[in-house]
Structure formats: structure tokens, C-alpha cells
Amino acid sequence: MADEKKPGLLKRIASKLSRFIKDTKGEMKKIVWPSKKTVVNNTGVVILVLAAFSICIGIVDFVFNAVVGLFH
């Protein structure tokens, strides 16, 4: 038992790095990528929602400025 030695630091690091790379490759194979149509559709929805919120915030800003202008 006294003759057993732990692997060296570099061997342990190499082993863990090798395992990490194998696990990463396995996880990458599980990814389901969206189709081009789905990406274009989702991008359009995001742009429309951003435009709607921008307009709403602009209207609220305009109203607040008008109210503050009445008191100033």
C-alpha cells in the first residue's frame, strides 16, 4: 500500500481536461438548432415588441414632460 502513488498533477489535469472535452462533445450532439424560418419569425416578433414598447415609453415620456412643463 505504501508503494501506491497518486498520479502527478499534470496527469490529473490532463485526465480531467480529456473528460471535459468528451462530455462537451456529447452535450453538443444533444443540441436542437432552430430552423431558419423559426429564427426569422422570432426575430420579427422581438423587433415588433421592442417597437411597441418604445412607442409606449415615448408616449409616457411626452405626457410627463407636458405635465412638468405646466408646473415649470
N, C-alpha and C. Protein backbone atom coordinates (compact mmCIF):
# COMPACT_ATOMS: atom_id res chain seq x y z
N MET A 1 0.80 -1.19 0.00
CA MET A 1 0.00 0.00 0.00
C MET A 1 0.84 1.26 0.00
N ALA A 2 1.98 1.19 0.61
CA ALA A 2 2.84 2.35 0.66
C ALA A 2 3.45 2.66 -0.70
N ASP A 3 3.46 1.63 -1.59
CA ASP A 3 4.04 1.84 -2.92
C ASP A 3 3.10 2.55 -3.87
N GLU A 4 1.78 2.59 -3.52
CA GLU A 4 0.82 3.27 -4.41
C GLU A 4 1.05 4.77 -4.36
N LYS A 5 1.11 5.35 -5.56
CA LYS A 5 1.30 6.80 -5.65
C LYS A 5 0.14 7.39 -6.42
N LYS A 6 -0.23 8.57 -6.06
CA LYS A 6 -1.24 9.29 -6.82
C LYS A 6 -0.62 9.71 -8.14
N PRO A 7 -1.47 9.80 -9.19
CA PRO A 7 -0.92 10.32 -10.44
C PRO A 7 -0.45 11.77 -10.24
N GLY A 8 0.51 12.16 -11.03
CA GLY A 8 1.04 13.51 -10.91
C GLY A 8 0.00 14.56 -11.26
N LEU A 9 0.31 15.77 -10.91
CA LEU A 9 -0.60 16.89 -11.13
C LEU A 9 -0.95 17.03 -12.61
N LEU A 10 0.05 16.96 -13.47
CA LEU A 10 -0.21 17.12 -14.90
C LEU A 10 -1.10 16.00 -15.45
N LYS A 11 -0.91 14.77 -14.97
CA LYS A 11 -1.75 13.66 -15.42
C LYS A 11 -3.19 13.84 -14.96
N ARG A 12 -3.37 14.33 -13.74
CA ARG A 12 -4.73 14.57 -13.24
C ARG A 12 -5.41 15.67 -14.04
N ILE A 13 -4.67 16.74 -14.34
CA ILE A 13 -5.24 17.84 -15.12
C ILE A 13 -5.58 17.36 -16.53
N ALA A 14 -4.68 16.59 -17.14
CA ALA A 14 -4.93 16.07 -18.49
C ALA A 14 -6.14 15.15 -18.50
N SER A 15 -6.29 14.33 -17.47
CA SER A 15 -7.42 13.41 -17.38
C SER A 15 -8.73 14.18 -17.26
N LYS A 16 -8.74 15.19 -16.39
CA LYS A 16 -9.96 15.99 -16.22
C LYS A 16 -10.28 16.79 -17.48
N LEU A 17 -9.27 17.31 -18.15
CA LEU A 17 -9.48 18.07 -19.38
C LEU A 17 -10.03 17.15 -20.47
N SER A 18 -9.49 15.95 -20.56
CA SER A 18 -9.95 14.98 -21.54
C SER A 18 -11.42 14.63 -21.28
N ARG A 19 -11.77 14.40 -20.04
CA ARG A 19 -13.15 14.08 -19.68
C ARG A 19 -14.08 15.25 -20.00
N PHE A 20 -13.63 16.47 -19.72
CA PHE A 20 -14.42 17.66 -20.01
C PHE A 20 -14.71 17.77 -21.50
N ILE A 21 -13.69 17.54 -22.32
CA ILE A 21 -13.86 17.64 -23.77
C ILE A 21 -14.84 16.57 -24.27
N LYS A 22 -14.71 15.34 -23.76
CA LYS A 22 -15.64 14.27 -24.16
C LYS A 22 -17.06 14.60 -23.75
N ASP A 23 -17.25 15.10 -22.54
CA ASP A 23 -18.59 15.47 -22.07
C ASP A 23 -19.17 16.61 -22.90
N THR A 24 -18.32 17.58 -23.24
CA THR A 24 -18.77 18.72 -24.04
C THR A 24 -19.22 18.26 -25.42
N LYS A 25 -18.46 17.37 -26.04
CA LYS A 25 -18.85 16.85 -27.36
C LYS A 25 -20.19 16.13 -27.27
N GLY A 26 -20.39 15.36 -26.21
CA GLY A 26 -21.65 14.66 -26.02
C GLY A 26 -22.82 15.61 -25.87
N GLU A 27 -22.62 16.68 -25.12
CA GLU A 27 -23.69 17.67 -24.93
C GLU A 27 -23.98 18.43 -26.22
N MET A 28 -22.95 18.71 -27.00
CA MET A 28 -23.14 19.44 -28.26
C MET A 28 -24.00 18.62 -29.23
N LYS A 29 -23.91 17.30 -29.16
CA LYS A 29 -24.71 16.46 -30.04
C LYS A 29 -26.19 16.49 -29.67
N LYS A 30 -26.50 16.89 -28.45
CA LYS A 30 -27.89 16.93 -27.98
C LYS A 30 -28.61 18.21 -28.37
N ILE A 31 -27.89 19.20 -28.86
CA ILE A 31 -28.48 20.49 -29.17
C ILE A 31 -29.41 20.37 -30.37
N VAL A 32 -30.60 20.96 -30.25
CA VAL A 32 -31.55 21.01 -31.36
C VAL A 32 -31.57 22.46 -31.85
N TRP A 33 -31.01 22.68 -33.03
CA TRP A 33 -30.93 24.03 -33.57
C TRP A 33 -32.23 24.40 -34.25
N PRO A 34 -32.72 25.64 -34.09
CA PRO A 34 -33.96 26.04 -34.74
C PRO A 34 -33.75 26.22 -36.24
N SER A 35 -34.85 26.11 -36.98
CA SER A 35 -34.78 26.31 -38.43
C SER A 35 -34.65 27.80 -38.74
N LYS A 36 -34.29 28.09 -39.97
CA LYS A 36 -34.14 29.49 -40.39
C LYS A 36 -35.48 30.22 -40.28
N LYS A 37 -36.56 29.52 -40.63
CA LYS A 37 -37.89 30.13 -40.57
C LYS A 37 -38.24 30.52 -39.13
N THR A 38 -37.92 29.65 -38.18
CA THR A 38 -38.20 29.93 -36.77
C THR A 38 -37.38 31.13 -36.28
N VAL A 39 -36.12 31.18 -36.67
CA VAL A 39 -35.26 32.30 -36.25
C VAL A 39 -35.79 33.62 -36.82
N VAL A 40 -36.15 33.62 -38.10
CA VAL A 40 -36.66 34.85 -38.73
C VAL A 40 -37.97 35.26 -38.07
N ASN A 41 -38.85 34.30 -37.80
CA ASN A 41 -40.12 34.60 -37.16
C ASN A 41 -39.91 35.18 -35.76
N ASN A 42 -39.06 34.55 -34.96
CA ASN A 42 -38.80 35.04 -33.60
C ASN A 42 -38.14 36.41 -33.60
N THR A 43 -37.25 36.64 -34.57
CA THR A 43 -36.60 37.95 -34.68
C THR A 43 -37.64 39.03 -34.99
N GLY A 44 -38.57 38.72 -35.88
CA GLY A 44 -39.64 39.67 -36.21
C GLY A 44 -40.49 39.99 -35.00
N VAL A 45 -40.83 38.97 -34.21
CA VAL A 45 -41.63 39.19 -33.01
C VAL A 45 -40.88 40.09 -32.03
N VAL A 46 -39.60 39.84 -31.84
CA VAL A 46 -38.80 40.66 -30.92
C VAL A 46 -38.76 42.12 -31.39
N ILE A 47 -38.56 42.32 -32.69
CA ILE A 47 -38.50 43.70 -33.22
C ILE A 47 -39.83 44.41 -33.04
N LEU A 48 -40.95 43.70 -33.28
CA LEU A 48 -42.26 44.32 -33.10
C LEU A 48 -42.54 44.67 -31.64
N VAL A 49 -42.18 43.79 -30.74
CA VAL A 49 -42.40 44.06 -29.31
C VAL A 49 -41.53 45.23 -28.86
N LEU A 50 -40.28 45.28 -29.31
CA LEU A 50 -39.41 46.41 -28.96
C LEU A 50 -39.97 47.72 -29.51
N ALA A 51 -40.47 47.70 -30.73
CA ALA A 51 -41.05 48.91 -31.32
C ALA A 51 -42.27 49.35 -30.51
N ALA A 52 -43.14 48.40 -30.13
CA ALA A 52 -44.34 48.74 -29.36
C ALA A 52 -43.96 49.35 -28.00
N PHE A 53 -43.01 48.73 -27.30
CA PHE A 53 -42.58 49.27 -26.01
C PHE A 53 -41.91 50.63 -26.17
N SER A 54 -41.15 50.81 -27.22
CA SER A 54 -40.50 52.11 -27.46
C SER A 54 -41.55 53.20 -27.66
N ILE A 55 -42.58 52.89 -28.42
CA ILE A 55 -43.65 53.87 -28.65
C ILE A 55 -44.36 54.19 -27.34
N CYS A 56 -44.66 53.15 -26.55
CA CYS A 56 -45.33 53.37 -25.26
C CYS A 56 -44.48 54.22 -24.33
N ILE A 57 -43.21 53.93 -24.24
CA ILE A 57 -42.32 54.72 -23.38
C ILE A 57 -42.22 56.15 -23.89
N GLY A 58 -42.19 56.32 -25.21
CA GLY A 58 -42.15 57.66 -25.79
C GLY A 58 -43.39 58.46 -25.45
N ILE A 59 -44.54 57.81 -25.50
CA ILE A 59 -45.80 58.50 -25.17
C ILE A 59 -45.82 58.89 -23.69
N VAL A 60 -45.41 57.98 -22.81
CA VAL A 60 -45.37 58.28 -21.38
C VAL A 60 -44.39 59.43 -21.12
N ASP A 61 -43.25 59.41 -21.77
CA ASP A 61 -42.26 60.48 -21.61
C ASP A 61 -42.83 61.82 -22.07
N PHE A 62 -43.53 61.81 -23.19
CA PHE A 62 -44.13 63.04 -23.71
C PHE A 62 -45.17 63.59 -22.73
N VAL A 63 -46.00 62.71 -22.17
CA VAL A 63 -47.03 63.14 -21.23
C VAL A 63 -46.38 63.69 -19.96
N PHE A 64 -45.40 63.01 -19.41
CA PHE A 64 -44.72 63.51 -18.22
C PHE A 64 -44.05 64.85 -18.47
N ASN A 65 -43.43 65.01 -19.63
CA ASN A 65 -42.81 66.30 -19.95
C ASN A 65 -43.85 67.39 -20.06
N ALA A 66 -45.00 67.07 -20.62
CA ALA A 66 -46.07 68.07 -20.74
C ALA A 66 -46.59 68.47 -19.35
N VAL A 67 -46.75 67.48 -18.46
CA VAL A 67 -47.23 67.77 -17.12
C VAL A 67 -46.21 68.59 -16.35
N VAL A 68 -44.93 68.24 -16.45
CA VAL A 68 -43.88 69.00 -15.77
C VAL A 68 -43.81 70.41 -16.35
N GLY A 69 -44.01 70.54 -17.65
CA GLY A 69 -43.99 71.86 -18.28
C GLY A 69 -45.08 72.77 -17.78
N LEU A 70 -46.20 72.22 -17.35
CA LEU A 70 -47.29 73.02 -16.81
C LEU A 70 -46.92 73.65 -15.47
N PHE A 71 -46.09 72.96 -14.71
CA PHE A 71 -45.71 73.45 -13.38
C PHE A 71 -44.43 74.25 -13.38
N HIS A 72 -43.73 74.26 -14.48
CA HIS A 72 -42.41 74.90 -14.50
C HIS A 72 -42.50 76.29 -14.97
